[in-house]
N, C-alpha and C. Protein backbone atom coordinates (compact mmCIF):
# COMPACT_ATOMS: atom_id res chain seq x y z
N MET A 1 90.54 47.33 -20.78
CA MET A 1 90.54 48.49 -19.95
C MET A 1 89.22 48.77 -19.29
N PRO A 2 89.10 48.83 -17.99
CA PRO A 2 87.78 49.03 -17.38
C PRO A 2 87.19 50.40 -17.59
N LEU A 3 85.85 50.47 -17.51
CA LEU A 3 85.15 51.75 -17.60
C LEU A 3 84.74 52.13 -16.24
N GLU A 4 84.78 53.37 -15.92
CA GLU A 4 84.29 53.82 -14.64
C GLU A 4 83.37 54.96 -14.79
N THR A 5 82.30 54.96 -13.99
CA THR A 5 81.34 56.07 -13.91
C THR A 5 81.45 56.57 -12.46
N LYS A 6 80.51 57.45 -12.13
CA LYS A 6 80.45 57.99 -10.75
C LYS A 6 80.34 56.90 -9.70
N ARG A 7 79.49 55.84 -10.00
CA ARG A 7 79.11 54.83 -9.02
C ARG A 7 79.52 53.43 -9.42
N LEU A 8 79.96 53.30 -10.68
CA LEU A 8 80.14 51.93 -11.22
C LEU A 8 81.52 51.68 -11.79
N ARG A 9 81.98 50.46 -11.70
CA ARG A 9 83.15 49.99 -12.45
C ARG A 9 82.71 48.81 -13.36
N LEU A 10 83.05 49.01 -14.64
CA LEU A 10 82.69 47.93 -15.57
C LEU A 10 84.05 47.40 -16.09
N ARG A 11 84.12 46.05 -16.17
CA ARG A 11 85.30 45.41 -16.73
C ARG A 11 84.87 44.24 -17.58
N ALA A 12 85.75 43.73 -18.45
CA ALA A 12 85.37 42.71 -19.35
C ALA A 12 84.90 41.48 -18.54
N LEU A 13 83.74 41.00 -18.97
CA LEU A 13 83.23 39.69 -18.50
C LEU A 13 84.21 38.59 -18.78
N THR A 14 84.44 37.69 -17.88
CA THR A 14 85.36 36.53 -18.02
C THR A 14 84.60 35.26 -17.61
N PRO A 15 85.20 34.08 -17.91
CA PRO A 15 84.64 32.87 -17.42
C PRO A 15 84.58 32.76 -15.88
N ASP A 16 85.44 33.55 -15.22
CA ASP A 16 85.44 33.59 -13.73
C ASP A 16 84.22 34.22 -13.25
N ASP A 17 83.37 34.84 -14.02
CA ASP A 17 82.14 35.50 -13.56
C ASP A 17 80.95 34.50 -13.56
N LEU A 18 81.23 33.19 -13.79
CA LEU A 18 80.15 32.19 -13.95
C LEU A 18 79.19 32.23 -12.71
N GLU A 19 79.73 32.27 -11.51
CA GLU A 19 78.86 32.24 -10.35
C GLU A 19 77.97 33.43 -10.31
N HIS A 20 78.50 34.65 -10.71
CA HIS A 20 77.62 35.87 -10.73
C HIS A 20 76.45 35.57 -11.72
N LEU A 21 76.83 35.06 -12.85
CA LEU A 21 75.79 34.84 -13.96
C LEU A 21 74.78 33.78 -13.55
N VAL A 22 75.20 32.76 -12.83
CA VAL A 22 74.28 31.72 -12.42
C VAL A 22 73.28 32.27 -11.50
N ALA A 23 73.71 33.12 -10.54
CA ALA A 23 72.74 33.84 -9.64
C ALA A 23 71.83 34.82 -10.40
N LEU A 24 72.37 35.62 -11.32
CA LEU A 24 71.62 36.63 -12.04
C LEU A 24 70.63 35.96 -12.94
N HIS A 25 71.12 35.04 -13.81
CA HIS A 25 70.24 34.48 -14.82
C HIS A 25 69.27 33.36 -14.17
N GLY A 26 69.59 32.92 -13.01
CA GLY A 26 68.72 31.94 -12.32
C GLY A 26 67.56 32.62 -11.54
N ASP A 27 67.53 33.94 -11.53
CA ASP A 27 66.45 34.66 -10.90
C ASP A 27 65.29 34.85 -11.84
N ARG A 28 64.19 34.23 -11.49
CA ARG A 28 63.01 34.22 -12.36
C ARG A 28 62.58 35.62 -12.62
N GLU A 29 62.52 36.52 -11.65
CA GLU A 29 62.07 37.90 -11.90
C GLU A 29 62.97 38.62 -12.84
N VAL A 30 64.28 38.45 -12.78
CA VAL A 30 65.22 39.11 -13.69
C VAL A 30 64.98 38.58 -15.10
N MET A 31 64.54 37.31 -15.31
CA MET A 31 64.35 36.74 -16.59
C MET A 31 62.89 36.84 -17.07
N THR A 32 62.03 37.57 -16.31
CA THR A 32 60.60 37.63 -16.70
C THR A 32 60.34 37.90 -18.20
N PHE A 33 61.10 38.92 -18.78
CA PHE A 33 60.80 39.42 -20.15
C PHE A 33 61.76 38.71 -21.12
N ILE A 34 62.57 37.75 -20.63
CA ILE A 34 63.50 37.16 -21.53
C ILE A 34 63.13 35.68 -21.81
N THR A 35 63.00 34.92 -20.71
CA THR A 35 62.64 33.55 -20.87
C THR A 35 61.33 33.19 -20.04
N GLY A 36 60.98 34.06 -19.12
CA GLY A 36 59.87 33.78 -18.26
C GLY A 36 60.18 32.89 -17.09
N ALA A 37 61.38 32.37 -17.07
CA ALA A 37 61.85 31.49 -16.01
C ALA A 37 63.38 31.64 -15.78
N GLY A 38 63.80 31.35 -14.60
CA GLY A 38 65.28 31.35 -14.37
C GLY A 38 66.00 30.30 -15.24
N GLU A 39 67.22 30.59 -15.58
CA GLU A 39 68.06 29.62 -16.32
C GLU A 39 68.73 28.72 -15.30
N PRO A 40 68.74 27.38 -15.61
CA PRO A 40 69.51 26.53 -14.73
C PRO A 40 71.04 26.64 -14.96
N ARG A 41 71.80 26.34 -14.01
CA ARG A 41 73.27 26.51 -14.03
C ARG A 41 73.84 25.91 -15.34
N GLU A 42 73.34 24.77 -15.79
CA GLU A 42 73.92 24.15 -17.02
C GLU A 42 73.67 25.08 -18.20
N VAL A 43 72.53 25.69 -18.35
CA VAL A 43 72.27 26.57 -19.49
C VAL A 43 73.18 27.81 -19.34
N VAL A 44 73.32 28.34 -18.15
CA VAL A 44 74.26 29.49 -18.09
C VAL A 44 75.69 29.12 -18.43
N GLU A 45 76.11 28.00 -18.01
CA GLU A 45 77.50 27.57 -18.22
C GLU A 45 77.71 27.18 -19.69
N THR A 46 76.75 26.49 -20.34
CA THR A 46 76.97 26.05 -21.69
C THR A 46 76.41 26.96 -22.77
N GLN A 47 75.53 27.85 -22.44
CA GLN A 47 74.95 28.68 -23.51
C GLN A 47 75.12 30.20 -23.20
N SER A 48 74.63 30.65 -22.03
CA SER A 48 74.59 32.12 -21.85
C SER A 48 75.94 32.72 -21.64
N LEU A 49 76.78 32.09 -20.82
CA LEU A 49 78.14 32.70 -20.62
C LEU A 49 78.89 32.63 -21.90
N PRO A 50 78.93 31.53 -22.73
CA PRO A 50 79.62 31.54 -23.95
C PRO A 50 79.15 32.64 -24.91
N ALA A 51 77.83 32.75 -24.97
CA ALA A 51 77.24 33.77 -25.89
C ALA A 51 77.73 35.17 -25.46
N LEU A 52 77.73 35.47 -24.19
CA LEU A 52 78.18 36.76 -23.72
C LEU A 52 79.63 37.01 -23.96
N LEU A 53 80.45 35.98 -23.87
CA LEU A 53 81.87 36.14 -24.12
C LEU A 53 82.17 36.34 -25.63
N ARG A 54 81.25 35.91 -26.50
CA ARG A 54 81.47 36.25 -27.92
C ARG A 54 81.11 37.71 -28.28
N ARG A 55 80.46 38.37 -27.34
CA ARG A 55 80.14 39.81 -27.57
C ARG A 55 81.12 40.60 -26.76
N ARG A 56 81.07 41.88 -26.92
CA ARG A 56 81.79 42.82 -25.97
C ARG A 56 80.87 42.91 -24.77
N THR A 57 81.18 42.28 -23.71
CA THR A 57 80.40 42.25 -22.47
C THR A 57 81.15 42.73 -21.29
N TRP A 58 80.54 43.65 -20.53
CA TRP A 58 81.18 44.14 -19.30
C TRP A 58 80.41 43.69 -18.10
N ALA A 59 81.12 43.19 -17.13
CA ALA A 59 80.55 42.92 -15.82
C ALA A 59 80.47 44.26 -15.03
N ILE A 60 79.31 44.49 -14.39
CA ILE A 60 79.09 45.80 -13.69
C ILE A 60 79.21 45.54 -12.22
N PHE A 61 80.04 46.41 -11.58
CA PHE A 61 80.22 46.33 -10.18
C PHE A 61 79.97 47.67 -9.49
N HIS A 62 79.48 47.66 -8.27
CA HIS A 62 79.30 48.90 -7.44
C HIS A 62 80.65 49.43 -7.05
N MET A 63 80.97 50.67 -7.36
CA MET A 63 82.26 51.25 -7.11
C MET A 63 82.58 51.12 -5.53
N ALA A 64 81.68 51.49 -4.70
CA ALA A 64 81.97 51.63 -3.24
C ALA A 64 81.98 50.23 -2.57
N THR A 65 81.09 49.35 -2.99
CA THR A 65 81.05 48.12 -2.33
C THR A 65 81.74 46.95 -2.98
N GLY A 66 81.93 47.05 -4.28
CA GLY A 66 82.54 46.02 -5.09
C GLY A 66 81.51 44.96 -5.43
N GLY A 67 80.26 45.13 -5.10
CA GLY A 67 79.30 44.09 -5.33
C GLY A 67 78.91 43.98 -6.74
N PHE A 68 78.71 42.72 -7.30
CA PHE A 68 78.31 42.48 -8.67
C PHE A 68 76.86 42.97 -8.87
N LEU A 69 76.61 43.81 -9.92
CA LEU A 69 75.31 44.30 -10.19
C LEU A 69 74.71 43.75 -11.47
N GLY A 70 75.56 43.29 -12.41
CA GLY A 70 74.94 42.70 -13.66
C GLY A 70 75.99 42.79 -14.70
N TRP A 71 75.43 42.93 -16.02
CA TRP A 71 76.33 43.04 -17.15
C TRP A 71 75.64 43.94 -18.21
N ALA A 72 76.48 44.45 -19.13
CA ALA A 72 76.03 45.19 -20.30
C ALA A 72 76.87 44.71 -21.43
N SER A 73 76.25 44.67 -22.67
CA SER A 73 76.98 44.13 -23.82
C SER A 73 76.62 44.86 -25.15
N LEU A 74 77.60 44.74 -26.07
CA LEU A 74 77.38 45.18 -27.35
C LEU A 74 77.63 44.05 -28.29
N ARG A 75 76.68 43.65 -29.09
CA ARG A 75 76.83 42.56 -30.07
C ARG A 75 77.05 43.29 -31.37
N ILE A 76 78.44 43.36 -31.68
CA ILE A 76 78.85 44.17 -32.87
C ILE A 76 78.61 43.45 -34.18
N GLN A 77 78.03 44.13 -35.17
CA GLN A 77 77.82 43.64 -36.47
C GLN A 77 78.18 44.72 -37.40
N GLY A 78 79.42 44.71 -37.98
CA GLY A 78 79.85 45.76 -38.83
C GLY A 78 80.02 47.07 -38.04
N ASP A 79 79.36 48.16 -38.48
CA ASP A 79 79.52 49.42 -37.76
C ASP A 79 78.30 49.69 -36.83
N GLU A 80 77.54 48.66 -36.51
CA GLU A 80 76.36 48.71 -35.64
C GLU A 80 76.51 47.72 -34.53
N ALA A 81 75.75 47.93 -33.57
CA ALA A 81 75.77 46.91 -32.39
C ALA A 81 74.45 46.89 -31.73
N GLU A 82 74.09 45.73 -31.25
CA GLU A 82 72.88 45.48 -30.45
C GLU A 82 73.25 45.60 -28.98
N LEU A 83 72.57 46.45 -28.27
CA LEU A 83 72.79 46.68 -26.86
C LEU A 83 72.07 45.59 -26.05
N GLY A 84 72.71 45.09 -25.00
CA GLY A 84 72.05 44.23 -24.09
C GLY A 84 72.46 44.53 -22.68
N TYR A 85 71.62 44.23 -21.68
CA TYR A 85 71.98 44.45 -20.29
C TYR A 85 71.04 43.68 -19.42
N ARG A 86 71.58 43.43 -18.22
CA ARG A 86 70.77 42.72 -17.20
C ARG A 86 71.38 42.99 -15.85
N LEU A 87 70.50 43.35 -14.87
CA LEU A 87 70.96 43.71 -13.54
C LEU A 87 70.20 42.87 -12.49
N VAL A 88 70.88 42.62 -11.37
CA VAL A 88 70.30 41.97 -10.24
C VAL A 88 69.13 42.79 -9.74
N ARG A 89 68.15 42.12 -9.18
CA ARG A 89 66.99 42.87 -8.65
C ARG A 89 67.26 43.92 -7.73
N ALA A 90 68.23 43.67 -6.78
CA ALA A 90 68.57 44.68 -5.77
C ALA A 90 69.08 45.92 -6.35
N ALA A 91 69.47 45.91 -7.67
CA ALA A 91 70.01 47.17 -8.28
C ALA A 91 68.95 47.87 -9.11
N TRP A 92 67.78 47.31 -9.21
CA TRP A 92 66.70 47.93 -10.04
C TRP A 92 66.26 49.27 -9.44
N GLY A 93 65.89 50.15 -10.21
CA GLY A 93 65.27 51.40 -9.85
C GLY A 93 66.23 52.41 -9.14
N GLN A 94 67.54 52.22 -9.28
CA GLN A 94 68.49 53.17 -8.71
C GLN A 94 69.34 53.88 -9.77
N GLY A 95 69.01 53.65 -11.02
CA GLY A 95 69.74 54.35 -12.08
C GLY A 95 71.02 53.67 -12.47
N TYR A 96 71.30 52.52 -11.94
CA TYR A 96 72.60 51.82 -12.33
C TYR A 96 72.55 51.31 -13.78
N ALA A 97 71.44 50.84 -14.16
CA ALA A 97 71.40 50.29 -15.59
C ALA A 97 71.58 51.47 -16.59
N SER A 98 70.93 52.61 -16.41
CA SER A 98 71.09 53.74 -17.24
C SER A 98 72.58 54.27 -17.18
N GLU A 99 73.18 54.29 -16.02
CA GLU A 99 74.51 54.75 -15.91
C GLU A 99 75.47 53.81 -16.66
N ALA A 100 75.30 52.53 -16.50
CA ALA A 100 76.20 51.58 -17.15
C ALA A 100 75.92 51.57 -18.70
N VAL A 101 74.74 51.67 -19.10
CA VAL A 101 74.41 51.66 -20.54
C VAL A 101 74.98 52.93 -21.16
N ARG A 102 74.84 54.07 -20.51
CA ARG A 102 75.41 55.35 -21.06
C ARG A 102 76.96 55.16 -21.22
N ALA A 103 77.61 54.52 -20.30
CA ALA A 103 79.06 54.35 -20.43
C ALA A 103 79.42 53.39 -21.61
N VAL A 104 78.62 52.34 -21.79
CA VAL A 104 78.93 51.44 -22.89
C VAL A 104 78.62 52.07 -24.23
N VAL A 105 77.52 52.83 -24.30
CA VAL A 105 77.16 53.49 -25.52
C VAL A 105 78.32 54.48 -25.82
N GLY A 106 78.73 55.26 -24.85
CA GLY A 106 79.85 56.20 -25.10
C GLY A 106 81.10 55.52 -25.70
N LEU A 107 81.44 54.35 -25.12
CA LEU A 107 82.60 53.58 -25.57
C LEU A 107 82.27 53.08 -27.06
N GLY A 108 81.00 52.65 -27.29
CA GLY A 108 80.74 52.17 -28.60
C GLY A 108 80.91 53.20 -29.63
N PHE A 109 80.40 54.45 -29.39
CA PHE A 109 80.48 55.47 -30.37
C PHE A 109 81.94 56.13 -30.38
N GLY A 110 82.55 56.16 -29.22
CA GLY A 110 83.88 56.75 -29.17
C GLY A 110 85.02 55.81 -29.60
N GLU A 111 85.40 55.02 -28.71
CA GLU A 111 86.61 54.09 -28.97
C GLU A 111 86.32 53.11 -30.06
N LEU A 112 85.10 52.57 -30.05
CA LEU A 112 84.84 51.48 -31.10
C LEU A 112 84.40 52.03 -32.43
N GLY A 113 84.01 53.30 -32.42
CA GLY A 113 83.65 53.97 -33.75
C GLY A 113 82.41 53.45 -34.39
N LEU A 114 81.45 52.96 -33.66
CA LEU A 114 80.16 52.51 -34.15
C LEU A 114 79.38 53.57 -34.76
N ALA A 115 78.54 53.31 -35.73
CA ALA A 115 77.69 54.33 -36.37
C ALA A 115 76.25 54.29 -35.75
N ARG A 116 75.88 53.12 -35.17
CA ARG A 116 74.50 53.04 -34.65
C ARG A 116 74.51 51.95 -33.61
N ILE A 117 73.70 52.21 -32.54
CA ILE A 117 73.55 51.22 -31.51
C ILE A 117 72.03 51.10 -31.34
N TRP A 118 71.54 49.83 -31.30
CA TRP A 118 70.08 49.64 -31.21
C TRP A 118 69.82 48.59 -30.09
N GLY A 119 68.59 48.50 -29.69
CA GLY A 119 68.14 47.50 -28.74
C GLY A 119 66.68 47.27 -28.90
N GLN A 120 66.20 46.16 -28.34
CA GLN A 120 64.79 45.87 -28.37
C GLN A 120 64.43 45.12 -27.03
N THR A 121 63.08 45.27 -26.76
CA THR A 121 62.56 44.57 -25.58
C THR A 121 61.08 44.40 -25.80
N MET A 122 60.47 43.66 -24.88
CA MET A 122 59.01 43.53 -24.99
C MET A 122 58.40 44.86 -24.73
N ALA A 123 57.32 45.20 -25.39
CA ALA A 123 56.64 46.49 -25.25
C ALA A 123 56.27 46.71 -23.82
N VAL A 124 55.88 45.60 -23.11
CA VAL A 124 55.40 45.80 -21.75
C VAL A 124 56.57 45.95 -20.71
N ASN A 125 57.81 45.90 -21.09
CA ASN A 125 58.96 46.00 -20.28
C ASN A 125 59.39 47.47 -20.09
N SER A 126 58.52 48.16 -19.27
CA SER A 126 58.70 49.61 -19.09
C SER A 126 60.07 49.96 -18.50
N GLY A 127 60.62 49.13 -17.64
CA GLY A 127 61.88 49.45 -17.09
C GLY A 127 63.05 49.47 -18.08
N SER A 128 63.05 48.48 -18.95
CA SER A 128 64.09 48.41 -20.02
C SER A 128 63.84 49.50 -20.96
N ARG A 129 62.67 49.86 -21.35
CA ARG A 129 62.38 50.96 -22.24
C ARG A 129 62.93 52.26 -21.67
N ARG A 130 62.74 52.46 -20.37
CA ARG A 130 63.14 53.68 -19.75
C ARG A 130 64.74 53.76 -19.73
N VAL A 131 65.43 52.62 -19.56
CA VAL A 131 66.91 52.60 -19.67
C VAL A 131 67.36 53.06 -20.98
N MET A 132 66.76 52.47 -22.05
CA MET A 132 67.16 52.95 -23.40
C MET A 132 66.93 54.42 -23.67
N GLU A 133 65.76 54.90 -23.20
CA GLU A 133 65.42 56.28 -23.38
C GLU A 133 66.39 57.19 -22.63
N LYS A 134 66.73 56.84 -21.46
CA LYS A 134 67.75 57.59 -20.61
C LYS A 134 69.11 57.61 -21.24
N ALA A 135 69.40 56.60 -22.05
CA ALA A 135 70.67 56.51 -22.76
C ALA A 135 70.66 57.35 -24.00
N GLY A 136 69.50 57.94 -24.32
CA GLY A 136 69.41 58.79 -25.56
C GLY A 136 68.88 58.05 -26.80
N MET A 137 68.49 56.84 -26.57
CA MET A 137 67.94 56.05 -27.67
C MET A 137 66.50 56.48 -27.95
N ALA A 138 66.12 56.51 -29.19
CA ALA A 138 64.83 56.84 -29.63
C ALA A 138 63.98 55.62 -30.10
N TYR A 139 62.72 55.73 -29.67
CA TYR A 139 61.77 54.62 -30.08
C TYR A 139 61.68 54.65 -31.62
N LEU A 140 61.76 53.47 -32.19
CA LEU A 140 61.63 53.32 -33.70
C LEU A 140 60.28 52.75 -34.11
N ARG A 141 59.91 51.59 -33.47
CA ARG A 141 58.78 50.86 -33.91
C ARG A 141 58.37 49.80 -32.94
N THR A 142 57.14 49.39 -33.04
CA THR A 142 56.65 48.21 -32.45
C THR A 142 56.44 47.13 -33.45
N PHE A 143 56.75 45.88 -33.18
CA PHE A 143 56.65 44.79 -34.16
C PHE A 143 56.28 43.55 -33.38
N HIS A 144 55.67 42.60 -34.05
CA HIS A 144 55.17 41.38 -33.49
C HIS A 144 55.91 40.21 -34.01
N LEU A 145 56.37 39.29 -33.21
CA LEU A 145 57.04 38.05 -33.57
C LEU A 145 56.13 36.88 -33.25
N GLU A 146 56.42 35.78 -33.94
CA GLU A 146 55.64 34.56 -33.64
C GLU A 146 56.46 33.74 -32.64
N TRP A 147 55.78 33.29 -31.66
CA TRP A 147 56.37 32.46 -30.53
C TRP A 147 55.62 31.18 -30.40
N ASP A 148 56.33 30.05 -30.27
CA ASP A 148 55.65 28.72 -30.00
C ASP A 148 54.98 28.85 -28.56
N ASP A 149 55.63 29.43 -27.65
CA ASP A 149 55.18 29.46 -26.27
C ASP A 149 55.38 30.96 -25.76
N PRO A 150 54.44 31.86 -26.14
CA PRO A 150 54.73 33.28 -25.87
C PRO A 150 54.68 33.60 -24.42
N LEU A 151 55.44 34.51 -23.95
CA LEU A 151 55.51 34.99 -22.61
C LEU A 151 54.26 35.94 -22.40
N PRO A 152 53.79 36.05 -21.19
CA PRO A 152 52.77 36.93 -20.92
C PRO A 152 53.13 38.44 -21.38
N GLY A 153 52.29 39.10 -22.07
CA GLY A 153 52.56 40.38 -22.59
C GLY A 153 53.05 40.41 -24.04
N ALA A 154 53.38 39.21 -24.61
CA ALA A 154 53.92 39.11 -25.92
C ALA A 154 52.92 39.62 -26.96
N GLU A 155 51.64 39.59 -26.64
CA GLU A 155 50.63 40.06 -27.50
C GLU A 155 50.73 41.57 -27.80
N HIS A 156 51.44 42.26 -26.99
CA HIS A 156 51.68 43.78 -27.12
C HIS A 156 52.90 44.01 -28.07
N GLY A 157 53.63 43.04 -28.37
CA GLY A 157 54.74 43.11 -29.37
C GLY A 157 56.10 43.45 -28.65
N GLU A 158 57.05 43.64 -29.49
CA GLU A 158 58.39 44.07 -29.20
C GLU A 158 58.60 45.53 -29.65
N VAL A 159 59.51 46.21 -28.95
CA VAL A 159 59.80 47.57 -29.33
C VAL A 159 61.26 47.67 -29.72
N ALA A 160 61.57 48.49 -30.67
CA ALA A 160 62.99 48.72 -31.07
C ALA A 160 63.25 50.21 -30.78
N TYR A 161 64.52 50.40 -30.28
CA TYR A 161 65.10 51.75 -30.03
C TYR A 161 66.42 51.81 -30.74
N ALA A 162 66.88 53.00 -31.05
CA ALA A 162 68.20 53.16 -31.63
C ALA A 162 68.77 54.55 -31.41
N LEU A 163 70.08 54.65 -31.58
CA LEU A 163 70.76 55.94 -31.42
C LEU A 163 71.92 55.88 -32.45
N THR A 164 72.12 56.97 -33.19
CA THR A 164 73.19 57.08 -34.17
C THR A 164 74.29 57.85 -33.43
N ARG A 165 75.56 57.73 -34.00
CA ARG A 165 76.71 58.43 -33.44
C ARG A 165 76.46 59.92 -33.59
N ALA A 166 75.86 60.34 -34.76
CA ALA A 166 75.57 61.81 -34.94
C ALA A 166 74.62 62.36 -33.95
N ASP A 167 73.55 61.56 -33.58
CA ASP A 167 72.62 62.04 -32.61
C ASP A 167 73.24 61.99 -31.20
N TRP A 168 74.10 61.05 -31.00
CA TRP A 168 74.81 60.90 -29.63
C TRP A 168 75.70 62.10 -29.48
N ARG A 169 76.48 62.48 -30.52
CA ARG A 169 77.34 63.70 -30.43
C ARG A 169 76.54 64.95 -30.26
N ALA A 170 75.44 65.04 -30.86
CA ALA A 170 74.55 66.28 -30.85
C ALA A 170 73.91 66.39 -29.45
N GLY A 171 73.74 65.22 -28.80
CA GLY A 171 72.97 65.24 -27.49
C GLY A 171 73.77 65.67 -26.37
């Protein structure tokens, strides 16, 4: 069943979305804080798409134009889920990510009955941090991971955010 917001329509991601993902994941700027480089088609086809299909992942479309804007996902583990999202550059800075994430979080706590939703990003990724904050998620901690080939900014660490169902209901 699709989710709808004021400006967006979210529906289950399918293998038919491959071309959308090739363009999205192939954009080096979109992937700056993830891999530092765009993903080649073969990686999207054999790794990224299958991984997203194993999660609850929604393709995000603009309600008025029907244009593909990105995806949002919940990687469910018991009564918790890790939030993920990625949007095309043309959709950045317009509130679409926050709108989509709020819809997915609402579904996670409502229909799916999750107790907690969390996410993480590089500390220097201010855009992603803002999306999680606008979705009601609270900063938990900064932590440092070991990387063989760290991305620029990795020295500042990763940040974790989370929201519980009780806090979501109270908000």
